[in-house]
N, C-alpha and C. Protein backbone atom coordinates (compact mmCIF):
# COMPACT_ATOMS: atom_id res chain seq x y z
N UNK A 1 0.89 -1.29 -0.02
CA UNK A 1 0.05 0.03 -0.01
C UNK A 1 1.00 1.20 0.11
N UNK A 2 0.59 1.95 -1.02
CA UNK A 2 1.42 3.34 -1.08
C UNK A 2 0.35 4.49 -0.69
N UNK A 3 0.88 5.55 0.05
CA UNK A 3 -0.08 6.47 0.63
C UNK A 3 0.62 7.84 0.45
N UNK A 4 -0.06 8.91 0.09
CA UNK A 4 0.50 10.34 0.00
C UNK A 4 -0.55 11.27 0.14
N UNK A 5 -0.36 12.47 0.89
CA UNK A 5 -1.40 13.37 1.12
C UNK A 5 -1.15 14.64 0.19
N UNK A 6 -2.32 15.17 -0.31
CA UNK A 6 -2.27 16.44 -1.36
C UNK A 6 -3.17 17.47 -0.75
N UNK A 7 -2.79 18.72 -0.96
CA UNK A 7 -3.48 19.75 -0.72
C UNK A 7 -4.25 20.21 -1.97
N UNK A 8 -5.68 20.39 -1.87
CA UNK A 8 -6.48 20.90 -3.07
C UNK A 8 -6.15 22.17 -3.40
N UNK A 9 -5.63 22.46 -4.49
CA UNK A 9 -5.09 23.76 -4.88
C UNK A 9 -6.21 24.47 -5.78
N UNK A 10 -6.97 23.80 -6.44
CA UNK A 10 -8.05 24.51 -7.28
C UNK A 10 -8.99 25.26 -6.41
N UNK A 11 -9.11 26.48 -6.88
CA UNK A 11 -10.02 27.56 -6.02
C UNK A 11 -11.52 26.94 -5.93
N UNK A 12 -11.84 26.10 -6.95
CA UNK A 12 -13.26 25.73 -6.96
C UNK A 12 -13.33 24.40 -6.50
N UNK A 13 -12.37 23.65 -6.03
CA UNK A 13 -12.29 22.33 -5.34
C UNK A 13 -12.36 21.28 -6.53
N UNK A 14 -12.75 20.30 -6.06
CA UNK A 14 -12.81 18.96 -6.98
C UNK A 14 -14.27 18.95 -7.17
N UNK A 15 -14.53 19.42 -8.55
CA UNK A 15 -15.94 19.21 -9.23
C UNK A 15 -15.84 18.33 -10.37
N UNK A 16 -16.85 18.25 -11.31
CA UNK A 16 -16.94 17.25 -12.24
C UNK A 16 -15.72 17.01 -13.13
N UNK A 17 -15.05 18.05 -13.56
CA UNK A 17 -13.94 17.87 -14.58
C UNK A 17 -12.67 17.39 -13.83
N UNK A 18 -12.15 17.91 -12.65
CA UNK A 18 -10.97 17.16 -12.04
C UNK A 18 -11.41 15.92 -11.42
N UNK A 19 -12.66 15.68 -11.03
CA UNK A 19 -13.15 14.39 -10.51
C UNK A 19 -12.88 13.26 -11.65
N UNK A 20 -13.22 13.65 -12.90
CA UNK A 20 -13.24 12.77 -14.01
C UNK A 20 -11.72 12.39 -14.14
N UNK A 21 -10.81 13.30 -14.07
CA UNK A 21 -9.54 13.14 -14.25
C UNK A 21 -8.68 12.14 -13.29
N UNK A 22 -9.38 12.29 -11.88
CA UNK A 22 -8.96 11.59 -10.80
C UNK A 22 -9.46 10.06 -11.07
N UNK A 23 -10.58 9.79 -11.50
CA UNK A 23 -11.06 8.53 -11.82
C UNK A 23 -10.36 7.83 -12.92
N UNK A 24 -9.97 8.63 -14.04
CA UNK A 24 -9.18 8.07 -15.08
C UNK A 24 -7.85 7.73 -14.60
N UNK A 25 -7.12 8.55 -13.71
CA UNK A 25 -5.92 8.27 -13.15
C UNK A 25 -5.85 7.00 -12.11
N UNK A 26 -6.87 6.97 -11.42
CA UNK A 26 -7.16 5.73 -10.45
C UNK A 26 -7.26 4.44 -11.37
N UNK A 27 -7.79 4.41 -12.54
CA UNK A 27 -7.92 3.30 -13.27
C UNK A 27 -6.59 2.92 -13.76
N UNK A 28 -5.52 3.56 -13.71
CA UNK A 28 -4.23 3.16 -14.13
C UNK A 28 -3.71 1.99 -13.11
N UNK A 29 -4.21 1.96 -11.92
CA UNK A 29 -3.89 0.97 -10.87
C UNK A 29 -4.73 -0.23 -10.92
N UNK A 30 -4.06 -1.44 -10.88
CA UNK A 30 -4.84 -2.74 -10.88
C UNK A 30 -5.66 -2.82 -9.53
N UNK A 31 -5.06 -2.33 -8.50
CA UNK A 31 -5.76 -2.62 -7.33
C UNK A 31 -6.70 -1.46 -6.87
N UNK A 32 -6.94 -1.45 -5.32
CA UNK A 32 -7.77 -0.54 -4.80
C UNK A 32 -7.08 0.86 -4.85
N UNK A 33 -7.83 2.06 -5.24
CA UNK A 33 -7.28 3.38 -4.99
C UNK A 33 -8.33 4.09 -4.07
N UNK A 34 -7.94 4.63 -2.92
CA UNK A 34 -8.79 5.26 -2.07
C UNK A 34 -8.47 6.77 -1.85
N UNK A 35 -9.57 7.70 -1.75
CA UNK A 35 -9.23 8.93 -1.20
C UNK A 35 -9.82 9.09 0.14
N UNK A 36 -9.12 9.74 1.07
CA UNK A 36 -9.54 9.96 2.51
C UNK A 36 -9.60 11.40 2.91
N UNK A 37 -10.74 12.01 3.35
CA UNK A 37 -10.72 13.17 4.00
C UNK A 37 -11.66 13.22 4.98
N UNK A 38 -11.16 13.86 6.26
CA UNK A 38 -12.00 13.87 7.32
C UNK A 38 -12.81 12.61 7.80
N UNK A 39 -11.89 11.64 7.86
CA UNK A 39 -12.20 10.22 8.15
C UNK A 39 -13.24 9.60 7.41
N UNK A 40 -13.35 10.06 6.08
CA UNK A 40 -14.25 9.41 5.14
C UNK A 40 -13.42 8.84 4.01
N UNK A 41 -13.66 7.58 3.82
CA UNK A 41 -12.78 6.85 2.77
C UNK A 41 -13.78 6.44 1.55
N UNK A 42 -13.11 6.84 0.30
CA UNK A 42 -13.96 6.35 -0.85
C UNK A 42 -13.13 5.81 -1.92
N UNK A 43 -13.69 5.11 -2.76
CA UNK A 43 -12.92 4.62 -3.98
C UNK A 43 -12.70 5.69 -4.98
N UNK A 44 -11.42 5.86 -5.42
CA UNK A 44 -11.22 6.92 -6.44
C UNK A 44 -11.58 6.38 -7.84
N UNK A 45 -12.09 5.21 -7.91
CA UNK A 45 -12.52 4.67 -9.32
C UNK A 45 -13.89 5.04 -9.71
N UNK A 46 -14.63 5.71 -8.60
CA UNK A 46 -16.25 5.94 -8.75
C UNK A 46 -16.19 7.57 -8.81
N UNK A 47 -16.86 7.91 -9.99
CA UNK A 47 -17.00 9.45 -10.05
C UNK A 47 -17.92 10.04 -8.94
N UNK A 48 -18.95 9.35 -8.67
CA UNK A 48 -19.87 9.74 -7.50
C UNK A 48 -19.19 9.76 -6.28
N UNK A 49 -18.27 8.86 -6.01
CA UNK A 49 -17.51 8.81 -4.60
C UNK A 49 -16.67 10.00 -4.69
N UNK A 50 -15.80 10.12 -5.74
CA UNK A 50 -14.82 11.40 -5.76
C UNK A 50 -15.46 12.74 -5.49
N UNK A 51 -16.70 12.82 -6.23
CA UNK A 51 -17.44 14.07 -5.93
C UNK A 51 -18.11 14.14 -4.53
N UNK A 52 -18.47 13.11 -3.89
CA UNK A 52 -19.12 12.87 -2.64
C UNK A 52 -18.15 13.22 -1.56
N UNK A 53 -17.10 13.24 -1.71
CA UNK A 53 -15.91 13.39 -0.60
C UNK A 53 -15.96 15.07 -0.41
N UNK A 54 -16.34 15.77 -1.31
CA UNK A 54 -16.48 17.21 -1.26
C UNK A 54 -15.21 17.90 -0.88
N UNK A 55 -14.17 17.55 -1.61
CA UNK A 55 -12.86 18.27 -1.43
C UNK A 55 -12.83 19.77 -2.13
N UNK A 56 -12.59 20.78 -1.00
CA UNK A 56 -12.73 22.00 -1.39
C UNK A 56 -11.28 22.57 -1.49
N UNK A 57 -11.16 23.83 -1.79
CA UNK A 57 -9.71 24.36 -1.92
C UNK A 57 -9.20 24.41 -0.65
N UNK A 58 -7.95 24.19 -0.38
CA UNK A 58 -7.31 24.13 0.79
C UNK A 58 -7.39 22.86 1.66
N UNK A 59 -8.39 21.91 1.18
CA UNK A 59 -8.55 20.71 2.02
C UNK A 59 -7.28 19.67 1.73
N UNK A 60 -7.11 18.95 2.70
CA UNK A 60 -6.05 17.76 2.49
C UNK A 60 -6.69 16.43 2.25
N UNK A 61 -6.26 15.91 1.17
CA UNK A 61 -6.81 14.57 0.92
C UNK A 61 -5.54 13.63 0.78
N UNK A 62 -5.80 12.50 1.38
CA UNK A 62 -4.88 11.19 1.36
C UNK A 62 -5.27 10.25 0.34
N UNK A 63 -4.32 9.92 -0.56
CA UNK A 63 -4.62 9.04 -1.52
C UNK A 63 -3.70 7.77 -1.28
N UNK A 64 -4.40 6.54 -1.25
CA UNK A 64 -3.84 5.34 -0.96
C UNK A 64 -4.12 4.45 -2.04
N UNK A 65 -3.08 3.65 -2.67
CA UNK A 65 -3.19 2.71 -3.62
C UNK A 65 -2.54 1.50 -3.47
N UNK A 66 -2.92 0.39 -3.98
CA UNK A 66 -2.18 -0.73 -3.96
C UNK A 66 -2.27 -1.65 -5.23
N UNK A 67 -1.24 -2.40 -5.59
CA UNK A 67 -1.54 -3.17 -6.82
C UNK A 67 -0.46 -2.56 -7.96
N UNK A 68 -0.47 -3.14 -9.22
CA UNK A 68 0.32 -2.56 -10.17
C UNK A 68 0.15 -1.07 -10.53
N UNK A 69 1.20 -0.29 -10.63
CA UNK A 69 0.90 1.12 -11.05
C UNK A 69 0.47 1.99 -10.03
N UNK A 70 0.35 1.51 -8.67
CA UNK A 70 0.05 2.27 -7.59
C UNK A 70 0.60 3.69 -7.46
N UNK A 71 1.88 3.70 -7.53
CA UNK A 71 2.67 4.98 -7.39
C UNK A 71 2.45 5.87 -8.58
N UNK A 72 2.28 5.45 -9.75
CA UNK A 72 1.96 6.08 -10.96
C UNK A 72 0.44 6.77 -10.73
N UNK A 73 -0.44 6.00 -10.34
CA UNK A 73 -1.88 6.41 -10.21
C UNK A 73 -1.91 7.58 -9.15
N UNK A 74 -1.15 7.38 -7.95
CA UNK A 74 -1.09 8.44 -6.92
C UNK A 74 -0.39 9.72 -7.61
N UNK A 75 0.55 9.60 -8.19
CA UNK A 75 1.15 10.76 -8.80
C UNK A 75 0.26 11.47 -9.71
N UNK A 76 -0.38 10.75 -10.50
CA UNK A 76 -1.40 11.28 -11.50
C UNK A 76 -2.48 12.01 -10.67
N UNK A 77 -2.89 11.37 -9.59
CA UNK A 77 -4.11 12.12 -8.98
C UNK A 77 -3.70 13.20 -8.24
N UNK A 78 -2.22 13.22 -7.73
CA UNK A 78 -1.62 14.36 -7.11
C UNK A 78 -1.59 15.58 -8.00
N UNK A 79 -1.27 15.38 -9.18
CA UNK A 79 -1.36 16.26 -10.37
C UNK A 79 -2.48 17.01 -10.60
N UNK A 80 -3.77 16.27 -10.34
CA UNK A 80 -4.95 16.98 -10.38
C UNK A 80 -5.17 17.72 -9.16
N UNK A 81 -4.85 17.16 -7.99
CA UNK A 81 -5.06 17.92 -6.90
C UNK A 81 -4.22 19.47 -6.77
N UNK A 82 -3.03 19.34 -7.47
CA UNK A 82 -2.15 20.41 -7.51
C UNK A 82 -2.52 21.43 -8.64
N UNK A 83 -3.41 21.09 -9.42
CA UNK A 83 -3.65 21.94 -10.64
C UNK A 83 -4.64 23.02 -10.25
N UNK A 84 -4.35 24.22 -10.86
CA UNK A 84 -5.33 25.38 -10.69
C UNK A 84 -5.98 25.46 -12.03
N UNK A 85 -7.18 25.33 -12.16
CA UNK A 85 -8.00 25.55 -13.40
C UNK A 85 -8.16 26.91 -13.59
N UNK A 86 -7.92 27.55 -14.70
CA UNK A 86 -8.25 28.83 -15.16
C UNK A 86 -9.45 28.84 -16.01
N UNK A 87 -10.54 29.49 -15.69
CA UNK A 87 -11.62 29.54 -16.56
C UNK A 87 -11.77 30.71 -17.41
């Protein structure tokens, strides 16, 4: 199990577009990929779950993964959390 924490940098938080990127990144990994915030753990492979965690700007989210490509999936998800979208 690999685990890393990230701070949500996007001023609008994790909404549909970044959530979709997180799900796509999670699918790189063959095993479980979880997001954890405020003692709530959800699968990062489900768009509904990623949105339900309600990650807002400045929140810390811990990503954990196991299986093939776990580190690659965590890094890809971390890139989404670090990105600032410009509208």
